[in-house]
């Protein structure tokens, strides 16, 4: 075998054999590079899908909170219309900020510290920290996943506008302001009551 390899690079076909060997080496290097990139692309694609799913689930929970805001307006309309003399009502609540959801994360923090020294007596310290953070999900009975939330920050109510049939009476207007203040926690000067046409 040794003799065959030696004969390959000596003699008449020396240049042809070198070209063939070079082409084979290039093909092997390209193949290895292609396979390696393919594995990295799969990992990146899976990580991107995971992040996209997390964002989608957190946005769905935020949309539910928006529904809660509309629900509050409807509940206020319902209860105000039952107060004596108020009549039909329409309520609009304004918010200073939107609600937000803080999901629970599974954090994996790895840190390493390496100290290197050279022949001349100098030292170099290398610190490396790797932090991975993923949202934790719970499995629903229908098979869907929902993020587990640490806290749900309700939107801050800025003010309220109420249109009511009986708002021409000052006593009724005061009752409406008092009821809305009690239900929402906002001060009386941020509640405006108008007579409905």
N, C-alpha and C. Protein backbone atom coordinates (compact mmCIF):
# COMPACT_ATOMS: atom_id res chain seq x y z
N UNK A 1 0.82 -1.18 0.00
CA UNK A 1 0.00 0.00 0.00
C UNK A 1 0.87 1.25 0.00
N UNK A 2 1.93 1.19 0.82
CA UNK A 2 2.84 2.32 0.91
C UNK A 2 3.50 2.58 -0.44
N UNK A 3 3.83 1.49 -1.09
CA UNK A 3 4.47 1.63 -2.40
C UNK A 3 3.52 2.20 -3.44
N UNK A 4 2.26 1.82 -3.39
CA UNK A 4 1.27 2.34 -4.34
C UNK A 4 1.08 3.84 -4.16
N UNK A 5 1.00 4.27 -2.87
CA UNK A 5 0.87 5.70 -2.61
C UNK A 5 2.10 6.46 -3.09
N UNK A 6 3.27 5.87 -2.88
CA UNK A 6 4.51 6.51 -3.32
C UNK A 6 4.55 6.62 -4.83
N UNK A 7 4.07 5.58 -5.53
CA UNK A 7 4.05 5.59 -7.00
C UNK A 7 3.02 6.59 -7.53
N UNK A 8 1.99 6.86 -6.77
CA UNK A 8 0.96 7.81 -7.20
C UNK A 8 1.52 9.21 -7.37
N UNK A 9 2.45 9.58 -6.52
CA UNK A 9 2.98 10.94 -6.54
C UNK A 9 4.36 11.04 -7.20
N UNK A 10 4.75 9.99 -7.85
CA UNK A 10 5.99 10.01 -8.66
C UNK A 10 5.62 9.43 -10.01
N UNK A 11 6.34 9.71 -10.96
CA UNK A 11 6.08 9.13 -12.27
C UNK A 11 5.30 10.06 -13.18
N UNK A 12 4.71 9.46 -14.25
CA UNK A 12 4.08 10.22 -15.32
C UNK A 12 2.78 10.89 -14.88
N UNK A 13 2.03 10.28 -14.05
CA UNK A 13 0.71 10.79 -13.67
C UNK A 13 0.74 11.59 -12.36
N UNK A 14 1.82 12.11 -11.98
CA UNK A 14 1.99 12.83 -10.73
C UNK A 14 1.02 14.01 -10.65
N UNK A 15 0.99 14.87 -11.67
CA UNK A 15 0.12 16.07 -11.66
C UNK A 15 -1.35 15.70 -11.66
N UNK A 16 -1.72 14.69 -12.46
CA UNK A 16 -3.12 14.27 -12.52
C UNK A 16 -3.58 13.73 -11.16
N UNK A 17 -2.74 12.95 -10.53
CA UNK A 17 -3.09 12.38 -9.23
C UNK A 17 -3.23 13.46 -8.15
N UNK A 18 -2.37 14.46 -8.18
CA UNK A 18 -2.46 15.56 -7.23
C UNK A 18 -3.76 16.34 -7.42
N UNK A 19 -4.16 16.57 -8.68
CA UNK A 19 -5.40 17.28 -8.97
C UNK A 19 -6.60 16.48 -8.46
N UNK A 20 -6.62 15.17 -8.69
CA UNK A 20 -7.71 14.32 -8.22
C UNK A 20 -7.78 14.35 -6.68
N UNK A 21 -6.64 14.26 -6.02
CA UNK A 21 -6.59 14.29 -4.56
C UNK A 21 -7.10 15.64 -4.03
N UNK A 22 -6.71 16.73 -4.67
CA UNK A 22 -7.15 18.06 -4.27
C UNK A 22 -8.67 18.20 -4.42
N UNK A 23 -9.22 17.70 -5.53
CA UNK A 23 -10.66 17.76 -5.77
C UNK A 23 -11.40 16.95 -4.70
N UNK A 24 -10.89 15.78 -4.37
CA UNK A 24 -11.51 14.95 -3.33
C UNK A 24 -11.51 15.66 -1.97
N UNK A 25 -10.41 16.30 -1.62
CA UNK A 25 -10.31 17.02 -0.35
C UNK A 25 -11.32 18.17 -0.32
N UNK A 26 -11.45 18.90 -1.42
CA UNK A 26 -12.40 20.01 -1.48
C UNK A 26 -13.83 19.50 -1.32
N UNK A 27 -14.17 18.40 -1.98
CA UNK A 27 -15.52 17.83 -1.87
C UNK A 27 -15.82 17.40 -0.44
N UNK A 28 -14.85 16.79 0.23
CA UNK A 28 -15.04 16.35 1.61
C UNK A 28 -15.24 17.57 2.53
N UNK A 29 -14.45 18.61 2.35
CA UNK A 29 -14.58 19.81 3.19
C UNK A 29 -15.94 20.47 2.98
N UNK A 30 -16.39 20.58 1.73
CA UNK A 30 -17.69 21.19 1.44
C UNK A 30 -18.82 20.34 2.04
N UNK A 31 -18.71 19.04 1.95
CA UNK A 31 -19.74 18.15 2.50
C UNK A 31 -19.84 18.29 4.01
N UNK A 32 -18.71 18.31 4.68
CA UNK A 32 -18.70 18.46 6.14
C UNK A 32 -19.30 19.80 6.54
N UNK A 33 -18.92 20.85 5.82
CA UNK A 33 -19.45 22.19 6.10
C UNK A 33 -20.96 22.23 5.89
N UNK A 34 -21.47 21.62 4.85
CA UNK A 34 -22.90 21.60 4.54
C UNK A 34 -23.67 20.85 5.64
N UNK A 35 -23.15 19.71 6.05
CA UNK A 35 -23.80 18.92 7.10
C UNK A 35 -23.82 19.70 8.41
N UNK A 36 -22.72 20.34 8.75
CA UNK A 36 -22.61 21.09 9.99
C UNK A 36 -23.57 22.27 10.01
N UNK A 37 -23.66 23.01 8.90
CA UNK A 37 -24.59 24.14 8.81
C UNK A 37 -26.03 23.66 8.88
N UNK A 38 -26.33 22.52 8.28
CA UNK A 38 -27.68 21.98 8.32
C UNK A 38 -28.14 21.70 9.74
N UNK A 39 -27.25 21.13 10.57
CA UNK A 39 -27.59 20.85 11.97
C UNK A 39 -27.80 22.15 12.74
N UNK A 40 -26.94 23.15 12.50
CA UNK A 40 -27.09 24.44 13.18
C UNK A 40 -28.36 25.14 12.76
N UNK A 41 -28.72 25.05 11.48
CA UNK A 41 -29.95 25.67 10.99
C UNK A 41 -31.17 25.02 11.62
N UNK A 42 -31.14 23.69 11.82
CA UNK A 42 -32.25 23.00 12.47
C UNK A 42 -32.41 23.49 13.90
N UNK A 43 -31.28 23.64 14.61
CA UNK A 43 -31.33 24.12 15.99
C UNK A 43 -31.88 25.53 16.04
N UNK A 44 -31.39 26.43 15.15
CA UNK A 44 -31.87 27.81 15.11
C UNK A 44 -33.34 27.86 14.76
N UNK A 45 -33.77 27.01 13.82
CA UNK A 45 -35.17 26.99 13.41
C UNK A 45 -36.07 26.54 14.56
N UNK A 46 -35.64 25.52 15.29
CA UNK A 46 -36.43 25.04 16.44
C UNK A 46 -36.49 26.10 17.54
N UNK A 47 -35.37 26.79 17.78
CA UNK A 47 -35.36 27.84 18.79
C UNK A 47 -36.28 28.99 18.37
N UNK A 48 -36.26 29.35 17.09
CA UNK A 48 -37.12 30.43 16.59
C UNK A 48 -38.59 30.04 16.72
N UNK A 49 -38.93 28.78 16.39
CA UNK A 49 -40.32 28.32 16.53
C UNK A 49 -40.76 28.41 17.98
N UNK A 50 -39.88 28.04 18.91
CA UNK A 50 -40.20 28.09 20.33
C UNK A 50 -40.47 29.52 20.79
N UNK A 51 -39.61 30.47 20.36
CA UNK A 51 -39.80 31.87 20.73
C UNK A 51 -41.08 32.41 20.13
N UNK A 52 -41.37 32.06 18.86
CA UNK A 52 -42.59 32.53 18.20
C UNK A 52 -43.82 32.01 18.93
N UNK A 53 -43.81 30.75 19.35
CA UNK A 53 -44.95 30.17 20.07
C UNK A 53 -45.12 30.86 21.42
N UNK A 54 -44.01 31.17 22.10
CA UNK A 54 -44.10 31.87 23.39
C UNK A 54 -44.75 33.23 23.20
N UNK A 55 -44.29 34.00 22.18
CA UNK A 55 -44.87 35.31 21.92
C UNK A 55 -46.35 35.22 21.61
N UNK A 56 -46.73 34.22 20.82
CA UNK A 56 -48.14 34.05 20.44
C UNK A 56 -48.99 33.77 21.68
N UNK A 57 -48.52 32.90 22.56
CA UNK A 57 -49.30 32.56 23.75
C UNK A 57 -49.42 33.75 24.70
N UNK A 58 -48.34 34.53 24.84
CA UNK A 58 -48.40 35.71 25.71
C UNK A 58 -49.35 36.74 25.12
N UNK A 59 -49.37 36.91 23.79
CA UNK A 59 -50.29 37.85 23.14
C UNK A 59 -51.74 37.40 23.31
N UNK A 60 -51.98 36.09 23.29
CA UNK A 60 -53.34 35.59 23.50
C UNK A 60 -53.83 35.94 24.89
N UNK A 61 -52.96 35.83 25.89
CA UNK A 61 -53.34 36.19 27.26
C UNK A 61 -53.61 37.68 27.34
N UNK A 62 -52.81 38.51 26.62
CA UNK A 62 -53.04 39.96 26.61
C UNK A 62 -54.37 40.29 25.96
N UNK A 63 -54.75 39.57 24.91
CA UNK A 63 -56.04 39.79 24.25
C UNK A 63 -57.18 39.48 25.21
N UNK A 64 -57.01 38.45 26.03
CA UNK A 64 -58.03 38.13 27.03
C UNK A 64 -58.20 39.28 28.01
N UNK A 65 -57.10 39.96 28.35
CA UNK A 65 -57.17 41.10 29.27
C UNK A 65 -57.92 42.26 28.64
N UNK A 66 -57.79 42.46 27.33
CA UNK A 66 -58.54 43.50 26.64
C UNK A 66 -60.02 43.19 26.72
N UNK A 67 -60.38 41.93 26.58
CA UNK A 67 -61.77 41.52 26.74
C UNK A 67 -62.26 41.83 28.14
N UNK A 68 -61.40 41.67 29.15
CA UNK A 68 -61.77 41.99 30.53
C UNK A 68 -62.11 43.47 30.67
N UNK A 69 -61.41 44.35 29.94
CA UNK A 69 -61.67 45.78 30.00
C UNK A 69 -63.06 46.09 29.45
N UNK A 70 -63.41 45.49 28.34
CA UNK A 70 -64.75 45.68 27.77
C UNK A 70 -65.81 45.10 28.71
N UNK A 71 -65.47 44.01 29.35
CA UNK A 71 -66.40 43.38 30.31
C UNK A 71 -66.67 44.31 31.49
N UNK A 72 -65.64 45.03 31.95
CA UNK A 72 -65.82 45.97 33.04
C UNK A 72 -66.79 47.08 32.65
N UNK A 73 -66.66 47.59 31.43
CA UNK A 73 -67.57 48.63 30.95
C UNK A 73 -69.01 48.11 30.92
N UNK A 74 -69.21 46.90 30.44
CA UNK A 74 -70.56 46.32 30.38
C UNK A 74 -71.14 46.11 31.78
N UNK A 75 -70.32 45.64 32.70
CA UNK A 75 -70.80 45.42 34.07
C UNK A 75 -71.20 46.74 34.73
N UNK A 76 -70.39 47.80 34.47
CA UNK A 76 -70.74 49.11 35.02
C UNK A 76 -72.04 49.63 34.43
N UNK A 77 -72.21 49.47 33.10
CA UNK A 77 -73.45 49.89 32.46
C UNK A 77 -74.64 49.18 33.09
N UNK A 78 -74.49 47.89 33.33
CA UNK A 78 -75.56 47.09 33.89
C UNK A 78 -75.93 47.55 35.31
N UNK A 79 -74.92 47.72 36.15
CA UNK A 79 -75.21 48.09 37.55
C UNK A 79 -75.70 49.52 37.65
N UNK A 80 -75.15 50.44 36.85
CA UNK A 80 -75.58 51.83 36.92
C UNK A 80 -77.04 51.99 36.47
N UNK A 81 -77.43 51.22 35.44
CA UNK A 81 -78.80 51.33 34.95
C UNK A 81 -79.82 50.85 35.98
N UNK A 82 -79.37 50.09 36.99
CA UNK A 82 -80.28 49.58 38.03
C UNK A 82 -80.40 50.54 39.21
N UNK A 83 -79.59 51.59 39.24
CA UNK A 83 -79.70 52.58 40.32
C UNK A 83 -80.94 53.43 40.03
N UNK A 84 -81.70 53.70 41.05
CA UNK A 84 -82.96 54.43 40.92
C UNK A 84 -82.74 55.80 40.27
N UNK A 85 -83.45 56.04 39.18
CA UNK A 85 -83.42 57.33 38.50
C UNK A 85 -82.36 57.45 37.42
N UNK A 86 -81.42 56.50 37.32
CA UNK A 86 -80.32 56.62 36.34
C UNK A 86 -80.80 56.28 34.94
N UNK A 87 -81.50 55.20 34.76
CA UNK A 87 -81.97 54.79 33.44
C UNK A 87 -80.87 54.17 32.61
N UNK A 88 -81.03 54.23 31.30
CA UNK A 88 -80.06 53.63 30.37
C UNK A 88 -78.72 54.35 30.48
N UNK A 89 -77.62 53.58 30.41
CA UNK A 89 -76.27 54.16 30.51
C UNK A 89 -75.34 53.58 29.47
N UNK A 90 -74.33 54.37 29.14
CA UNK A 90 -73.20 53.92 28.31
C UNK A 90 -71.94 54.35 29.04
N UNK A 91 -70.97 53.46 29.12
CA UNK A 91 -69.74 53.73 29.87
C UNK A 91 -68.54 53.55 28.96
N UNK A 92 -67.62 54.51 29.05
CA UNK A 92 -66.33 54.37 28.37
C UNK A 92 -65.23 54.61 29.40
N UNK A 93 -64.33 53.65 29.49
CA UNK A 93 -63.22 53.77 30.43
C UNK A 93 -61.94 53.94 29.63
N UNK A 94 -61.12 54.89 30.05
CA UNK A 94 -59.82 55.10 29.39
C UNK A 94 -58.72 54.59 30.31
N UNK A 95 -57.66 54.11 29.69
CA UNK A 95 -56.55 53.50 30.44
C UNK A 95 -55.26 54.25 30.16
N UNK A 96 -54.44 54.41 31.20
CA UNK A 96 -53.14 55.06 31.06
C UNK A 96 -52.14 54.13 30.42
N UNK A 97 -52.30 52.85 30.64
CA UNK A 97 -51.39 51.85 30.08
C UNK A 97 -52.17 50.56 29.89
N UNK A 98 -51.66 49.71 29.04
CA UNK A 98 -52.36 48.46 28.79
C UNK A 98 -51.95 47.42 29.83
N UNK A 99 -52.72 46.36 29.89
CA UNK A 99 -52.40 45.28 30.83
C UNK A 99 -51.20 44.50 30.31
N UNK A 100 -50.52 43.86 31.21
CA UNK A 100 -49.38 43.05 30.80
C UNK A 100 -49.35 41.77 31.62
N UNK A 101 -48.77 40.77 31.00
CA UNK A 101 -48.66 39.45 31.62
C UNK A 101 -47.19 39.16 31.85
N UNK A 102 -46.87 38.71 33.03
CA UNK A 102 -45.50 38.31 33.31
C UNK A 102 -45.48 36.80 33.46
N UNK A 103 -45.00 36.09 32.43
CA UNK A 103 -44.99 34.63 32.51
C UNK A 103 -43.87 34.13 33.43
N UNK A 104 -44.00 32.88 33.84
CA UNK A 104 -42.97 32.23 34.64
C UNK A 104 -41.94 31.65 33.68
N UNK A 105 -40.68 31.92 33.96
CA UNK A 105 -39.59 31.45 33.10
C UNK A 105 -38.79 30.36 33.78
N UNK A 106 -38.30 29.44 32.98
CA UNK A 106 -37.34 28.45 33.42
C UNK A 106 -35.98 28.98 33.01
N UNK A 107 -35.20 29.43 33.99
CA UNK A 107 -33.91 30.04 33.68
C UNK A 107 -32.79 29.06 33.98
N UNK A 108 -31.87 29.00 33.05
CA UNK A 108 -30.70 28.14 33.20
C UNK A 108 -29.48 29.03 33.03
N UNK A 109 -28.81 29.33 34.11
CA UNK A 109 -27.64 30.22 34.06
C UNK A 109 -26.40 29.39 34.36
N UNK A 110 -25.48 29.42 33.41
CA UNK A 110 -24.20 28.73 33.60
C UNK A 110 -23.10 29.77 33.50
N UNK A 111 -22.18 29.71 34.43
CA UNK A 111 -21.05 30.63 34.37
C UNK A 111 -19.76 29.85 34.63
N UNK A 112 -18.73 30.30 33.97
CA UNK A 112 -17.42 29.67 34.16
C UNK A 112 -16.36 30.75 34.22
N UNK A 113 -15.33 30.47 34.97
CA UNK A 113 -14.23 31.40 35.12
C UNK A 113 -12.93 30.63 34.89
N UNK A 114 -12.15 31.07 33.92
CA UNK A 114 -10.90 30.40 33.57
C UNK A 114 -9.74 31.35 33.79
N UNK A 115 -8.70 30.88 34.45
CA UNK A 115 -7.50 31.69 34.66
C UNK A 115 -6.37 31.01 33.90
N UNK A 116 -5.75 31.78 33.00
CA UNK A 116 -4.63 31.26 32.21
C UNK A 116 -3.37 32.01 32.60
N UNK A 117 -2.26 31.30 32.61
CA UNK A 117 -0.98 31.96 32.89
C UNK A 117 0.00 31.60 31.79
N UNK A 118 0.87 32.55 31.46
CA UNK A 118 1.86 32.29 30.41
C UNK A 118 3.23 32.09 31.04
N UNK A 119 4.23 31.84 30.20
CA UNK A 119 5.60 31.52 30.67
C UNK A 119 6.27 32.71 31.35
N UNK A 120 5.88 33.92 30.97
CA UNK A 120 6.53 35.10 31.55
C UNK A 120 5.93 35.51 32.89
N UNK A 121 4.93 34.77 33.37
CA UNK A 121 4.37 35.04 34.68
C UNK A 121 3.07 35.84 34.66
N UNK A 122 2.62 36.23 33.50
CA UNK A 122 1.37 36.98 33.38
C UNK A 122 0.17 36.05 33.47
N UNK A 123 -0.94 36.59 33.95
CA UNK A 123 -2.16 35.79 34.04
C UNK A 123 -3.30 36.53 33.34
N UNK A 124 -4.24 35.74 32.87
CA UNK A 124 -5.44 36.29 32.21
C UNK A 124 -6.64 35.52 32.72
N UNK A 125 -7.65 36.28 33.11
CA UNK A 125 -8.88 35.68 33.64
C UNK A 125 -10.00 35.86 32.61
N UNK A 126 -10.69 34.75 32.29
CA UNK A 126 -11.79 34.79 31.32
C UNK A 126 -13.06 34.33 32.04
N UNK A 127 -14.06 35.21 32.06
CA UNK A 127 -15.35 34.87 32.65
C UNK A 127 -16.37 34.73 31.54
N UNK A 128 -17.17 33.68 31.59
CA UNK A 128 -18.18 33.44 30.57
C UNK A 128 -19.48 33.06 31.26
N UNK A 129 -20.58 33.73 30.82
CA UNK A 129 -21.89 33.45 31.39
C UNK A 129 -22.85 33.11 30.27
N UNK A 130 -23.59 32.02 30.43
CA UNK A 130 -24.58 31.61 29.44
C UNK A 130 -25.93 31.58 30.15
N UNK A 131 -26.88 32.39 29.65
CA UNK A 131 -28.19 32.50 30.27
C UNK A 131 -29.25 32.08 29.27
N UNK A 132 -29.99 31.04 29.58
CA UNK A 132 -31.08 30.58 28.72
C UNK A 132 -32.39 30.75 29.50
N UNK A 133 -33.41 31.30 28.80
CA UNK A 133 -34.67 31.61 29.45
C UNK A 133 -35.80 31.11 28.57
N UNK A 134 -36.69 30.28 29.12
CA UNK A 134 -37.82 29.76 28.37
C UNK A 134 -39.09 29.86 29.21
N UNK A 135 -40.19 30.20 28.54
CA UNK A 135 -41.48 30.29 29.22
C UNK A 135 -41.94 28.88 29.59
N UNK A 136 -42.51 28.73 30.79
CA UNK A 136 -43.04 27.44 31.24
C UNK A 136 -44.53 27.39 30.87
N UNK A 137 -44.93 26.27 30.29
CA UNK A 137 -46.31 26.10 29.84
C UNK A 137 -47.00 25.01 30.66
N UNK A 138 -48.34 25.14 30.73
CA UNK A 138 -49.14 24.05 31.30
C UNK A 138 -49.98 23.46 30.17
N UNK A 139 -50.21 22.18 30.24
CA UNK A 139 -50.98 21.45 29.22
C UNK A 139 -52.46 21.48 29.59
N UNK A 140 -53.29 22.02 28.70
CA UNK A 140 -54.74 22.04 28.93
C UNK A 140 -55.35 20.69 28.58
N UNK A 141 -56.57 20.48 29.01
CA UNK A 141 -57.24 19.20 28.76
C UNK A 141 -57.49 18.97 27.27
N UNK A 142 -57.59 20.05 26.48
CA UNK A 142 -57.81 19.89 25.04
C UNK A 142 -56.50 19.72 24.27
N UNK A 143 -55.37 19.67 24.97
CA UNK A 143 -54.08 19.44 24.32
C UNK A 143 -53.31 20.71 24.01
N UNK A 144 -53.93 21.86 24.16
CA UNK A 144 -53.23 23.12 23.88
C UNK A 144 -52.35 23.51 25.07
N UNK A 145 -51.38 24.37 24.79
CA UNK A 145 -50.48 24.83 25.83
C UNK A 145 -50.79 26.28 26.18
N UNK A 146 -50.64 26.59 27.45
CA UNK A 146 -50.90 27.94 27.94
C UNK A 146 -49.77 28.32 28.88
N UNK A 147 -49.22 29.55 28.73
CA UNK A 147 -48.12 29.93 29.63
C UNK A 147 -48.60 30.06 31.07
N UNK A 148 -47.75 29.64 31.98
CA UNK A 148 -48.03 29.82 33.40
C UNK A 148 -47.61 31.25 33.74
N UNK A 149 -48.50 32.01 34.35
CA UNK A 149 -48.21 33.41 34.63
C UNK A 149 -47.84 33.62 36.08
N UNK A 150 -46.81 34.43 36.27
CA UNK A 150 -46.38 34.81 37.62
C UNK A 150 -47.29 35.89 38.14
N UNK A 151 -47.58 36.86 37.27
CA UNK A 151 -48.47 37.94 37.66
C UNK A 151 -49.16 38.51 36.44
N UNK A 152 -50.32 39.07 36.67
CA UNK A 152 -51.10 39.73 35.64
C UNK A 152 -51.29 41.16 36.11
N UNK A 153 -50.67 42.09 35.40
CA UNK A 153 -50.76 43.49 35.77
C UNK A 153 -51.94 44.08 35.03
N UNK A 154 -52.99 44.43 35.77
CA UNK A 154 -54.18 45.01 35.17
C UNK A 154 -53.87 46.40 34.66
N UNK A 155 -54.60 46.83 33.63
CA UNK A 155 -54.34 48.17 33.12
C UNK A 155 -54.73 49.23 34.13
N UNK A 156 -54.01 50.34 34.14
CA UNK A 156 -54.31 51.42 35.07
C UNK A 156 -55.41 52.28 34.46
N UNK A 157 -56.51 52.43 35.19
CA UNK A 157 -57.63 53.22 34.70
C UNK A 157 -57.30 54.70 34.88
N UNK A 158 -57.44 55.44 33.79
CA UNK A 158 -57.14 56.87 33.80
C UNK A 158 -58.38 57.70 34.06
N UNK A 159 -59.51 57.30 33.50
CA UNK A 159 -60.73 58.07 33.67
C UNK A 159 -61.93 57.33 33.13
N UNK A 160 -63.12 57.95 33.33
CA UNK A 160 -64.35 57.32 32.85
C UNK A 160 -65.32 58.39 32.37
N UNK A 161 -66.03 58.07 31.29
CA UNK A 161 -67.09 58.93 30.78
C UNK A 161 -68.37 58.11 30.79
N UNK A 162 -69.42 58.69 31.40
CA UNK A 162 -70.69 57.99 31.50
C UNK A 162 -71.77 58.87 30.90
N UNK A 163 -72.56 58.29 30.02
CA UNK A 163 -73.76 58.95 29.51
C UNK A 163 -74.95 58.22 30.10
N UNK A 164 -75.83 58.96 30.78
CA UNK A 164 -76.98 58.34 31.44
C UNK A 164 -78.22 59.19 31.19
N UNK A 165 -79.35 58.51 31.08
CA UNK A 165 -80.64 59.20 30.84
C UNK A 165 -80.99 60.14 32.00
N UNK A 166 -80.75 59.74 33.22
CA UNK A 166 -81.13 60.53 34.38
C UNK A 166 -80.06 61.48 34.87
N UNK A 167 -79.03 61.74 34.08
CA UNK A 167 -77.89 62.54 34.55
C UNK A 167 -78.20 64.03 34.66
N UNK A 168 -79.40 64.48 34.26
CA UNK A 168 -79.73 65.91 34.40
C UNK A 168 -79.94 66.26 35.87
N UNK A 169 -80.28 65.30 36.71
CA UNK A 169 -80.47 65.49 38.14
C UNK A 169 -79.12 65.41 38.84
N UNK A 170 -78.78 66.43 39.63
CA UNK A 170 -77.47 66.48 40.30
C UNK A 170 -77.29 65.35 41.32
N UNK A 171 -78.35 64.96 41.99
CA UNK A 171 -78.26 63.86 42.96
C UNK A 171 -77.94 62.54 42.25
N UNK A 172 -78.58 62.31 41.10
CA UNK A 172 -78.33 61.09 40.31
C UNK A 172 -76.89 61.10 39.80
N UNK A 173 -76.45 62.28 39.34
CA UNK A 173 -75.07 62.42 38.83
C UNK A 173 -74.08 62.08 39.95
N UNK A 174 -74.32 62.55 41.14
CA UNK A 174 -73.44 62.27 42.28
C UNK A 174 -73.41 60.78 42.61
N UNK A 175 -74.60 60.12 42.54
CA UNK A 175 -74.66 58.68 42.78
C UNK A 175 -73.84 57.91 41.74
N UNK A 176 -73.93 58.35 40.48
CA UNK A 176 -73.16 57.68 39.40
C UNK A 176 -71.67 57.83 39.65
N UNK A 177 -71.23 59.04 39.98
CA UNK A 177 -69.80 59.29 40.24
C UNK A 177 -69.33 58.45 41.42
N UNK A 178 -70.13 58.39 42.47
CA UNK A 178 -69.78 57.60 43.66
C UNK A 178 -69.69 56.11 43.33
N UNK A 179 -70.64 55.61 42.55
CA UNK A 179 -70.64 54.18 42.20
C UNK A 179 -69.45 53.82 41.32
N UNK A 180 -69.17 54.65 40.32
CA UNK A 180 -68.04 54.37 39.42
C UNK A 180 -66.72 54.47 40.18
N UNK A 181 -66.60 55.45 41.07
CA UNK A 181 -65.39 55.57 41.89
C UNK A 181 -65.18 54.37 42.78
N UNK A 182 -66.27 53.85 43.35
CA UNK A 182 -66.17 52.68 44.22
C UNK A 182 -65.77 51.43 43.43
N UNK A 183 -66.29 51.31 42.21
CA UNK A 183 -66.00 50.11 41.41
C UNK A 183 -64.62 50.13 40.78
N UNK A 184 -64.12 51.32 40.45
CA UNK A 184 -62.85 51.39 39.70
C UNK A 184 -61.69 51.90 40.53
N UNK A 185 -61.98 52.61 41.62
CA UNK A 185 -60.90 53.16 42.44
C UNK A 185 -60.35 54.48 41.92
N UNK A 186 -60.96 55.06 40.90
CA UNK A 186 -60.47 56.34 40.40
C UNK A 186 -61.16 57.48 41.14
N UNK A 187 -60.49 58.62 41.21
CA UNK A 187 -61.04 59.75 41.96
C UNK A 187 -62.18 60.42 41.19
N UNK A 188 -63.00 61.15 41.93
CA UNK A 188 -64.22 61.74 41.37
C UNK A 188 -63.95 62.72 40.25
N UNK A 189 -62.83 63.47 40.31
CA UNK A 189 -62.57 64.46 39.27
C UNK A 189 -62.19 63.82 37.91
N UNK A 190 -61.94 62.51 37.91
CA UNK A 190 -61.63 61.80 36.66
C UNK A 190 -62.85 61.10 36.08
N UNK A 191 -64.00 61.30 36.69
CA UNK A 191 -65.24 60.70 36.22
C UNK A 191 -66.15 61.82 35.69
N UNK A 192 -66.50 61.74 34.44
CA UNK A 192 -67.38 62.74 33.82
C UNK A 192 -68.70 62.08 33.49
N UNK A 193 -69.80 62.70 33.94
CA UNK A 193 -71.12 62.16 33.71
C UNK A 193 -71.91 63.16 32.87
N UNK A 194 -72.56 62.67 31.82
CA UNK A 194 -73.34 63.51 30.92
C UNK A 194 -74.73 62.92 30.72
N UNK A 195 -75.67 63.80 30.40
CA UNK A 195 -77.02 63.35 30.14
C UNK A 195 -77.10 62.73 28.75
N UNK A 196 -77.72 61.57 28.67
CA UNK A 196 -77.87 60.87 27.38
C UNK A 196 -79.06 61.49 26.64
N UNK A 197 -78.91 61.70 25.33
CA UNK A 197 -80.03 62.27 24.56
C UNK A 197 -81.06 61.24 24.22
